């Protein structure tokens, strides 16, 4: 069974991948998602838990469907 920290790391890596594919810096994603860039950085490094609402804001900030965040995200 996968542990919580591994889930956070994998999700953070996925979010960073999507942000970089979009060509956004952390500051640009901050402007689009209204989430502080230091929090976004912690999320990408798997150092901060996030809520469903935070995931929704990130998806909106990246201008992608919410489900895209989890594409290819296997547990």
PDB file of N, CA and C in Angstrom:
ATOM      1  N   UNK A   1       0.841  -1.185   0.000  1.00  0.00           N
ATOM      2  CA  UNK A   1       0.000   0.000   0.000  1.00  0.00           C
ATOM      3  C   UNK A   1       0.886   1.248   0.000  1.00  0.00           C
ATOM      4  N   UNK A   2       0.495   2.211  -0.793  1.00  0.00           N
ATOM      5  CA  UNK A   2       1.255   3.457  -0.902  1.00  0.00           C
ATOM      6  C   UNK A   2       0.938   4.362   0.297  1.00  0.00           C
ATOM      7  N   UNK A   3       1.971   5.023   0.802  1.00  0.00           N
ATOM      8  CA  UNK A   3       1.748   5.879   1.974  1.00  0.00           C
ATOM      9  C   UNK A   3       1.414   7.316   1.552  1.00  0.00           C
ATOM     10  N   UNK A   4       0.971   8.079   2.529  1.00  0.00           N
ATOM     11  CA  UNK A   4       0.525   9.449   2.278  1.00  0.00           C
ATOM     12  C   UNK A   4       1.622  10.310   1.664  1.00  0.00           C
ATOM     13  N   UNK A   5       2.832  10.194   2.156  1.00  0.00           N
ATOM     14  CA  UNK A   5       3.932  11.012   1.641  1.00  0.00           C
ATOM     15  C   UNK A   5       4.205  10.709   0.172  1.00  0.00           C
ATOM     16  N   UNK A   6       4.141   9.444  -0.196  1.00  0.00           N
ATOM     17  CA  UNK A   6       4.367   9.063  -1.597  1.00  0.00           C
ATOM     18  C   UNK A   6       3.272   9.643  -2.495  1.00  0.00           C
ATOM     19  N   UNK A   7       2.047   9.641  -2.016  1.00  0.00           N
ATOM     20  CA  UNK A   7       0.943  10.233  -2.783  1.00  0.00           C
ATOM     21  C   UNK A   7       1.199  11.722  -2.997  1.00  0.00           C
ATOM     22  N   UNK A   8       1.585  12.421  -1.935  1.00  0.00           N
ATOM     23  CA  UNK A   8       1.860  13.857  -2.047  1.00  0.00           C
ATOM     24  C   UNK A   8       3.006  14.134  -3.011  1.00  0.00           C
ATOM     25  N   UNK A   9       4.049  13.304  -2.964  1.00  0.00           N
ATOM     26  CA  UNK A   9       5.184  13.476  -3.878  1.00  0.00           C
ATOM     27  C   UNK A   9       4.764  13.276  -5.326  1.00  0.00           C
ATOM     28  N   UNK A  10       4.024  12.215  -5.585  1.00  0.00           N
ATOM     29  CA  UNK A  10       3.588  11.931  -6.960  1.00  0.00           C
ATOM     30  C   UNK A  10       2.659  13.011  -7.493  1.00  0.00           C
ATOM     31  N   UNK A  11       1.733  13.436  -6.660  1.00  0.00           N
ATOM     32  CA  UNK A  11       0.812  14.484  -7.090  1.00  0.00           C
ATOM     33  C   UNK A  11       1.569  15.786  -7.337  1.00  0.00           C
ATOM     34  N   UNK A  12       2.501  16.108  -6.467  1.00  0.00           N
ATOM     35  CA  UNK A  12       3.310  17.308  -6.654  1.00  0.00           C
ATOM     36  C   UNK A  12       4.098  17.275  -7.953  1.00  0.00           C
ATOM     37  N   UNK A  13       4.660  16.116  -8.272  1.00  0.00           N
ATOM     38  CA  UNK A  13       5.403  15.965  -9.525  1.00  0.00           C
ATOM     39  C   UNK A  13       4.486  16.161 -10.726  1.00  0.00           C
ATOM     40  N   UNK A  14       3.273  15.628 -10.624  1.00  0.00           N
ATOM     41  CA  UNK A  14       2.300  15.770 -11.715  1.00  0.00           C
ATOM     42  C   UNK A  14       1.927  17.242 -11.902  1.00  0.00           C
ATOM     43  N   UNK A  15       1.692  17.937 -10.812  1.00  0.00           N
ATOM     44  CA  UNK A  15       1.322  19.347 -10.908  1.00  0.00           C
ATOM     45  C   UNK A  15       2.459  20.178 -11.496  1.00  0.00           C
ATOM     46  N   UNK A  16       3.685  19.882 -11.090  1.00  0.00           N
ATOM     47  CA  UNK A  16       4.841  20.599 -11.641  1.00  0.00           C
ATOM     48  C   UNK A  16       4.970  20.331 -13.139  1.00  0.00           C
ATOM     49  N   UNK A  17       4.776  19.080 -13.536  1.00  0.00           N
ATOM     50  CA  UNK A  17       4.845  18.719 -14.952  1.00  0.00           C
ATOM     51  C   UNK A  17       3.827  19.528 -15.759  1.00  0.00           C
ATOM     52  N   UNK A  18       2.601  19.589 -15.274  1.00  0.00           N
ATOM     53  CA  UNK A  18       1.552  20.326 -15.985  1.00  0.00           C
ATOM     54  C   UNK A  18       1.853  21.821 -16.030  1.00  0.00           C
ATOM     55  N   UNK A  19       2.365  22.365 -14.937  1.00  0.00           N
ATOM     56  CA  UNK A  19       2.717  23.790 -14.910  1.00  0.00           C
ATOM     57  C   UNK A  19       3.809  24.087 -15.929  1.00  0.00           C
ATOM     58  N   UNK A  20       4.828  23.240 -15.970  1.00  0.00           N
ATOM     59  CA  UNK A  20       5.935  23.456 -16.902  1.00  0.00           C
ATOM     60  C   UNK A  20       5.482  23.273 -18.346  1.00  0.00           C
ATOM     61  N   UNK A  21       4.596  22.312 -18.600  1.00  0.00           N
ATOM     62  CA  UNK A  21       4.061  22.131 -19.953  1.00  0.00           C
ATOM     63  C   UNK A  21       3.311  23.378 -20.411  1.00  0.00           C
ATOM     64  N   UNK A  22       2.661  24.033 -19.479  1.00  0.00           N
ATOM     65  CA  UNK A  22       1.923  25.260 -19.788  1.00  0.00           C
ATOM     66  C   UNK A  22       2.877  26.446 -19.958  1.00  0.00           C
ATOM     67  N   UNK A  23       4.125  26.281 -19.499  1.00  0.00           N
ATOM     68  CA  UNK A  23       5.112  27.348 -19.612  1.00  0.00           C
ATOM     69  C   UNK A  23       5.009  28.391 -18.512  1.00  0.00           C
ATOM     70  N   UNK A  24       4.358  28.032 -17.410  1.00  0.00           N
ATOM     71  CA  UNK A  24       4.169  28.961 -16.301  1.00  0.00           C
ATOM     72  C   UNK A  24       5.268  28.823 -15.262  1.00  0.00           C
ATOM     73  N   UNK A  25       5.690  29.946 -14.738  1.00  0.00           N
ATOM     74  CA  UNK A  25       6.524  29.950 -13.536  1.00  0.00           C
ATOM     75  C   UNK A  25       5.581  29.807 -12.341  1.00  0.00           C
ATOM     76  N   UNK A  26       6.154  29.599 -11.165  1.00  0.00           N
ATOM     77  CA  UNK A  26       5.319  29.538  -9.962  1.00  0.00           C
ATOM     78  C   UNK A  26       4.572  30.855  -9.755  1.00  0.00           C
ATOM     79  N   UNK A  27       5.229  31.959 -10.035  1.00  0.00           N
ATOM     80  CA  UNK A  27       4.581  33.271  -9.860  1.00  0.00           C
ATOM     81  C   UNK A  27       3.421  33.452 -10.843  1.00  0.00           C
ATOM     82  N   UNK A  28       3.589  32.948 -12.058  1.00  0.00           N
ATOM     83  CA  UNK A  28       2.495  33.053 -13.027  1.00  0.00           C
ATOM     84  C   UNK A  28       1.306  32.194 -12.598  1.00  0.00           C
ATOM     85  N   UNK A  29       1.591  30.989 -12.098  1.00  0.00           N
ATOM     86  CA  UNK A  29       0.498  30.149 -11.624  1.00  0.00           C
ATOM     87  C   UNK A  29      -0.164  30.778 -10.403  1.00  0.00           C
ATOM     88  N   UNK A  30       0.628  31.420  -9.565  1.00  0.00           N
ATOM     89  CA  UNK A  30       0.068  32.137  -8.413  1.00  0.00           C
ATOM     90  C   UNK A  30      -0.951  33.177  -8.886  1.00  0.00           C
ATOM     91  N   UNK A  31      -0.592  33.930  -9.903  1.00  0.00           N
ATOM     92  CA  UNK A  31      -1.478  34.973 -10.420  1.00  0.00           C
ATOM     93  C   UNK A  31      -2.768  34.390 -10.992  1.00  0.00           C
ATOM     94  N   UNK A  32      -2.666  33.234 -11.623  1.00  0.00           N
ATOM     95  CA  UNK A  32      -3.839  32.617 -12.252  1.00  0.00           C
ATOM     96  C   UNK A  32      -4.698  31.823 -11.272  1.00  0.00           C
ATOM     97  N   UNK A  33      -4.080  31.264 -10.243  1.00  0.00           N
ATOM     98  CA  UNK A  33      -4.812  30.377  -9.326  1.00  0.00           C
ATOM     99  C   UNK A  33      -5.161  31.039  -7.993  1.00  0.00           C
ATOM    100  N   UNK A  34      -4.509  32.161  -7.704  1.00  0.00           N
ATOM    101  CA  UNK A  34      -4.697  32.865  -6.425  1.00  0.00           C
ATOM    102  C   UNK A  34      -4.246  32.007  -5.243  1.00  0.00           C
ATOM    103  N   UNK A  35      -3.204  31.214  -5.473  1.00  0.00           N
ATOM    104  CA  UNK A  35      -2.554  30.428  -4.420  1.00  0.00           C
ATOM    105  C   UNK A  35      -1.126  30.940  -4.324  1.00  0.00           C
ATOM    106  N   UNK A  36      -0.679  31.256  -3.127  1.00  0.00           N
ATOM    107  CA  UNK A  36       0.658  31.801  -2.913  1.00  0.00           C
ATOM    108  C   UNK A  36       1.721  30.891  -3.530  1.00  0.00           C
ATOM    109  N   UNK A  37       2.713  31.495  -4.199  1.00  0.00           N
ATOM    110  CA  UNK A  37       3.731  30.689  -4.884  1.00  0.00           C
ATOM    111  C   UNK A  37       4.552  29.846  -3.919  1.00  0.00           C
ATOM    112  N   UNK A  38       4.716  30.287  -2.678  1.00  0.00           N
ATOM    113  CA  UNK A  38       5.450  29.455  -1.716  1.00  0.00           C
ATOM    114  C   UNK A  38       4.643  28.202  -1.371  1.00  0.00           C
ATOM    115  N   UNK A  39       3.327  28.329  -1.308  1.00  0.00           N
ATOM    116  CA  UNK A  39       2.482  27.150  -1.090  1.00  0.00           C
ATOM    117  C   UNK A  39       2.527  26.229  -2.305  1.00  0.00           C
ATOM    118  N   UNK A  40       2.486  26.805  -3.493  1.00  0.00           N
ATOM    119  CA  UNK A  40       2.573  25.997  -4.711  1.00  0.00           C
ATOM    120  C   UNK A  40       3.890  25.225  -4.754  1.00  0.00           C
ATOM    121  N   UNK A  41       4.971  25.876  -4.367  1.00  0.00           N
ATOM    122  CA  UNK A  41       6.276  25.220  -4.340  1.00  0.00           C
ATOM    123  C   UNK A  41       6.275  24.042  -3.372  1.00  0.00           C
ATOM    124  N   UNK A  42       5.711  24.242  -2.192  1.00  0.00           N
ATOM    125  CA  UNK A  42       5.634  23.154  -1.208  1.00  0.00           C
ATOM    126  C   UNK A  42       4.778  22.005  -1.730  1.00  0.00           C
ATOM    127  N   UNK A  43       3.684  22.335  -2.392  1.00  0.00           N
ATOM    128  CA  UNK A  43       2.817  21.307  -2.965  1.00  0.00           C
ATOM    129  C   UNK A  43       3.588  20.500  -4.002  1.00  0.00           C
ATOM    130  N   UNK A  44       4.306  21.177  -4.884  1.00  0.00           N
ATOM    131  CA  UNK A  44       5.066  20.486  -5.928  1.00  0.00           C
ATOM    132  C   UNK A  44       6.155  19.590  -5.351  1.00  0.00           C
ATOM    133  N   UNK A  45       6.679  19.941  -4.187  1.00  0.00           N
ATOM    134  CA  UNK A  45       7.717  19.125  -3.544  1.00  0.00           C
ATOM    135  C   UNK A  45       7.128  18.061  -2.617  1.00  0.00           C
ATOM    136  N   UNK A  46       5.801  17.992  -2.549  1.00  0.00           N
ATOM    137  CA  UNK A  46       5.151  17.007  -1.698  1.00  0.00           C
ATOM    138  C   UNK A  46       5.238  17.328  -0.225  1.00  0.00           C
ATOM    139  N   UNK A  47       5.440  18.591   0.095  1.00  0.00           N
ATOM    140  CA  UNK A  47       5.623  19.008   1.487  1.00  0.00           C
ATOM    141  C   UNK A  47       4.394  19.664   2.090  1.00  0.00           C
ATOM    142  N   UNK A  48       3.313  19.707   1.335  1.00  0.00           N
ATOM    143  CA  UNK A  48       2.097  20.338   1.853  1.00  0.00           C
ATOM    144  C   UNK A  48       0.880  19.576   1.356  1.00  0.00           C
ATOM    145  N   UNK A  49      -0.011  19.279   2.279  1.00  0.00           N
ATOM    146  CA  UNK A  49      -1.276  18.656   1.906  1.00  0.00           C
ATOM    147  C   UNK A  49      -2.129  19.694   1.202  1.00  0.00           C
ATOM    148  N   UNK A  50      -3.018  19.216   0.341  1.00  0.00           N
ATOM    149  CA  UNK A  50      -3.881  20.148  -0.344  1.00  0.00           C
ATOM    150  C   UNK A  50      -5.309  19.636  -0.348  1.00  0.00           C
ATOM    151  N   UNK A  51      -6.226  20.565  -0.459  1.00  0.00           N
ATOM    152  CA  UNK A  51      -7.640  20.236  -0.439  1.00  0.00           C
ATOM    153  C   UNK A  51      -8.171  20.102  -1.863  1.00  0.00           C
ATOM    154  N   UNK A  52      -9.372  19.600  -1.946  1.00  0.00           N
ATOM    155  CA  UNK A  52     -10.055  19.522  -3.231  1.00  0.00           C
ATOM    156  C   UNK A  52     -10.181  20.916  -3.845  1.00  0.00           C
ATOM    157  N   UNK A  53     -10.500  21.895  -3.024  1.00  0.00           N
ATOM    158  CA  UNK A  53     -10.647  23.278  -3.505  1.00  0.00           C
ATOM    159  C   UNK A  53      -9.329  23.790  -4.072  1.00  0.00           C
ATOM    160  N   UNK A  54      -8.223  23.485  -3.404  1.00  0.00           N
ATOM    161  CA  UNK A  54      -6.910  23.898  -3.900  1.00  0.00           C
ATOM    162  C   UNK A  54      -6.632  23.259  -5.253  1.00  0.00           C
ATOM    163  N   UNK A  55      -6.946  21.978  -5.392  1.00  0.00           N
ATOM    164  CA  UNK A  55      -6.763  21.310  -6.684  1.00  0.00           C
ATOM    165  C   UNK A  55      -7.615  21.970  -7.766  1.00  0.00           C
ATOM    166  N   UNK A  56      -8.837  22.332  -7.416  1.00  0.00           N
ATOM    167  CA  UNK A  56      -9.708  23.018  -8.377  1.00  0.00           C
ATOM    168  C   UNK A  56      -9.113  24.355  -8.803  1.00  0.00           C
ATOM    169  N   UNK A  57      -8.573  25.114  -7.853  1.00  0.00           N
ATOM    170  CA  UNK A  57      -7.954  26.405  -8.168  1.00  0.00           C
ATOM    171  C   UNK A  57      -6.736  26.225  -9.069  1.00  0.00           C
ATOM    172  N   UNK A  58      -5.955  25.182  -8.812  1.00  0.00           N
ATOM    173  CA  UNK A  58      -4.781  24.919  -9.649  1.00  0.00           C
ATOM    174  C   UNK A  58      -5.225  24.574 -11.067  1.00  0.00           C
ATOM    175  N   UNK A  59      -6.235  23.722 -11.197  1.00  0.00           N
ATOM    176  CA  UNK A  59      -6.750  23.367 -12.525  1.00  0.00           C
ATOM    177  C   UNK A  59      -7.246  24.614 -13.253  1.00  0.00           C
ATOM    178  N   UNK A  60      -7.984  25.466 -12.555  1.00  0.00           N
ATOM    179  CA  UNK A  60      -8.462  26.709 -13.164  1.00  0.00           C
ATOM    180  C   UNK A  60      -7.292  27.599 -13.562  1.00  0.00           C
ATOM    181  N   UNK A  61      -6.293  27.680 -12.694  1.00  0.00           N
ATOM    182  CA  UNK A  61      -5.122  28.501 -12.985  1.00  0.00           C
ATOM    183  C   UNK A  61      -4.350  28.019 -14.199  1.00  0.00           C
ATOM    184  N   UNK A  62      -4.334  26.706 -14.384  1.00  0.00           N
ATOM    185  CA  UNK A  62      -3.653  26.122 -15.537  1.00  0.00           C
ATOM    186  C   UNK A  62      -4.556  26.063 -16.771  1.00  0.00           C
ATOM    187  N   UNK A  63      -5.822  26.426 -16.581  1.00  0.00           N
ATOM    188  CA  UNK A  63      -6.816  26.402 -17.661  1.00  0.00           C
ATOM    189  C   UNK A  63      -6.944  25.008 -18.257  1.00  0.00           C
ATOM    190  N   UNK A  64      -7.063  24.022 -17.369  1.00  0.00           N
ATOM    191  CA  UNK A  64      -7.222  22.632 -17.786  1.00  0.00           C
ATOM    192  C   UNK A  64      -8.389  22.019 -17.013  1.00  0.00           C
ATOM    193  N   UNK A  65      -8.992  20.955 -17.557  1.00  0.00           N
ATOM    194  CA  UNK A  65     -10.036  20.266 -16.802  1.00  0.00           C
ATOM    195  C   UNK A  65      -9.448  19.648 -15.531  1.00  0.00           C
ATOM    196  N   UNK A  66     -10.232  19.630 -14.480  1.00  0.00           N
ATOM    197  CA  UNK A  66      -9.776  19.058 -13.210  1.00  0.00           C
ATOM    198  C   UNK A  66      -9.241  17.643 -13.400  1.00  0.00           C
ATOM    199  N   UNK A  67      -9.913  16.851 -14.207  1.00  0.00           N
ATOM    200  CA  UNK A  67      -9.519  15.447 -14.379  1.00  0.00           C
ATOM    201  C   UNK A  67      -8.127  15.298 -14.981  1.00  0.00           C
ATOM    202  N   UNK A  68      -7.665  16.304 -15.699  1.00  0.00           N
ATOM    203  CA  UNK A  68      -6.318  16.263 -16.278  1.00  0.00           C
ATOM    204  C   UNK A  68      -5.256  16.186 -15.189  1.00  0.00           C
ATOM    205  N   UNK A  69      -5.547  16.765 -14.026  1.00  0.00           N
ATOM    206  CA  UNK A  69      -4.587  16.714 -12.919  1.00  0.00           C
ATOM    207  C   UNK A  69      -4.268  15.275 -12.532  1.00  0.00           C
ATOM    208  N   UNK A  70      -5.237  14.400 -12.698  1.00  0.00           N
ATOM    209  CA  UNK A  70      -5.074  13.021 -12.239  1.00  0.00           C
ATOM    210  C   UNK A  70      -4.814  12.033 -13.370  1.00  0.00           C
ATOM    211  N   UNK A  71      -4.788  12.500 -14.621  1.00  0.00           N
ATOM    212  CA  UNK A  71      -4.480  11.606 -15.745  1.00  0.00           C
ATOM    213  C   UNK A  71      -3.125  10.951 -15.536  1.00  0.00           C
ATOM    214  N   UNK A  72      -3.089   9.647 -15.635  1.00  0.00           N
ATOM    215  CA  UNK A  72      -1.831   8.925 -15.484  1.00  0.00           C
ATOM    216  C   UNK A  72      -1.340   8.842 -14.059  1.00  0.00           C
ATOM    217  N   UNK A  73      -2.151   9.274 -13.109  1.00  0.00           N
ATOM    218  CA  UNK A  73      -1.768   9.258 -11.699  1.00  0.00           C
ATOM    219  C   UNK A  73      -2.265   7.962 -11.086  1.00  0.00           C
ATOM    220  N   UNK A  74      -1.397   6.973 -11.068  1.00  0.00           N
ATOM    221  CA  UNK A  74      -1.762   5.666 -10.532  1.00  0.00           C
ATOM    222  C   UNK A  74      -1.258   5.527  -9.110  1.00  0.00           C
ATOM    223  N   UNK A  75      -2.081   4.928  -8.281  1.00  0.00           N
ATOM    224  CA  UNK A  75      -1.684   4.680  -6.892  1.00  0.00           C
ATOM    225  C   UNK A  75      -1.136   3.284  -6.746  1.00  0.00           C
TER     226      UNK A  75
END
